[in-house]
Amino acid sequence: MHIPDGFIPLWQCAIYWTIAIIFLIFAFRWGRKNLSEKNIPLFAVLAAGIFAIMSMNIPVPFGSSGHMVGAAMVAIIFMSPWAAVIVIALVLMVQGIFFGDGGITTMGANILNMGVAGGFVGYYVWKGLYRPYMGKDGILKGLGVLGKRKWWAIGIASWIAIFYAACQAAIEMWLAGTFPLGLGLFYMGGYHAMIGVFEAIITVIVISTIEKVRPDLLAWNRLPRANADDIVPEPSEPREVASK
């Protein structure tokens, strides 16, 4: 999914870089407010792990590559897509500058695809499917469609995040004249649909392991406990309207 230098015209790269910088400004503001000595080590470990899984590339026709991303995982752990933007941006900078994996001019587009799209889509799909809240008993619960399927919600959100990010990258390269749209979506979407299965499994394993070993590091365990009156379950059956 790393777009190399030369695949996108410089004027388009400038647009992507400008948008990416705006997101990075808001992301680092979030980081200054929310990151502490307690969770920075986890932040660093996740960045190192994501660097490793991104390095396992599968060549995709037309010159790009397919790999896992991990943006949804970071966003869910910290319950903020801004965390994913920071982690992915830092990883992409190291890869692009020191290892030649992904371009410098196209780094803005890569940040938007993997960090912004991956983080925001993954987090809000999970939040929409699960609708998390902290019960009075201190256990995370959900009111969404998958409210009783926390791990399914996390896995599905991770899969959708990487699939969407890959399709967004294909559209950008089509706009640049590098990919034909149909084949670009077919290859990028198809490859990452398969890769996304492994990403979903790894995301569930990592988050479930953290919950067992260090639950205090998961942001959802710092949510305020809800009162019974605050939770309004959706009606199981539609109510009949009384006839006048």
Foldseek 3Di string as FASTA:
>chain_A
DFDAPPLFDLVVLVVLQVVLVVLLVVLVVCCVVPDDPVQVVVLVVLLVVQLVQQVPWDDFPLGATDTAGCQLLQCQQQVHLSSQLVSRLVSLVCCCPPPVRHYPSNSSVVSCLRRVQLSVQLNVQLCQQQVWAQAPVLDIAGQHVCRVPNLVSNLVSQLVSQLRSQLSVLVSSVVRVRDVNVSSNCRSNVVSNVNSNVNSVVSSVVVVVCCVPPVVSGNNSVGDHDDPVVDDHDDPDDDDDDDD
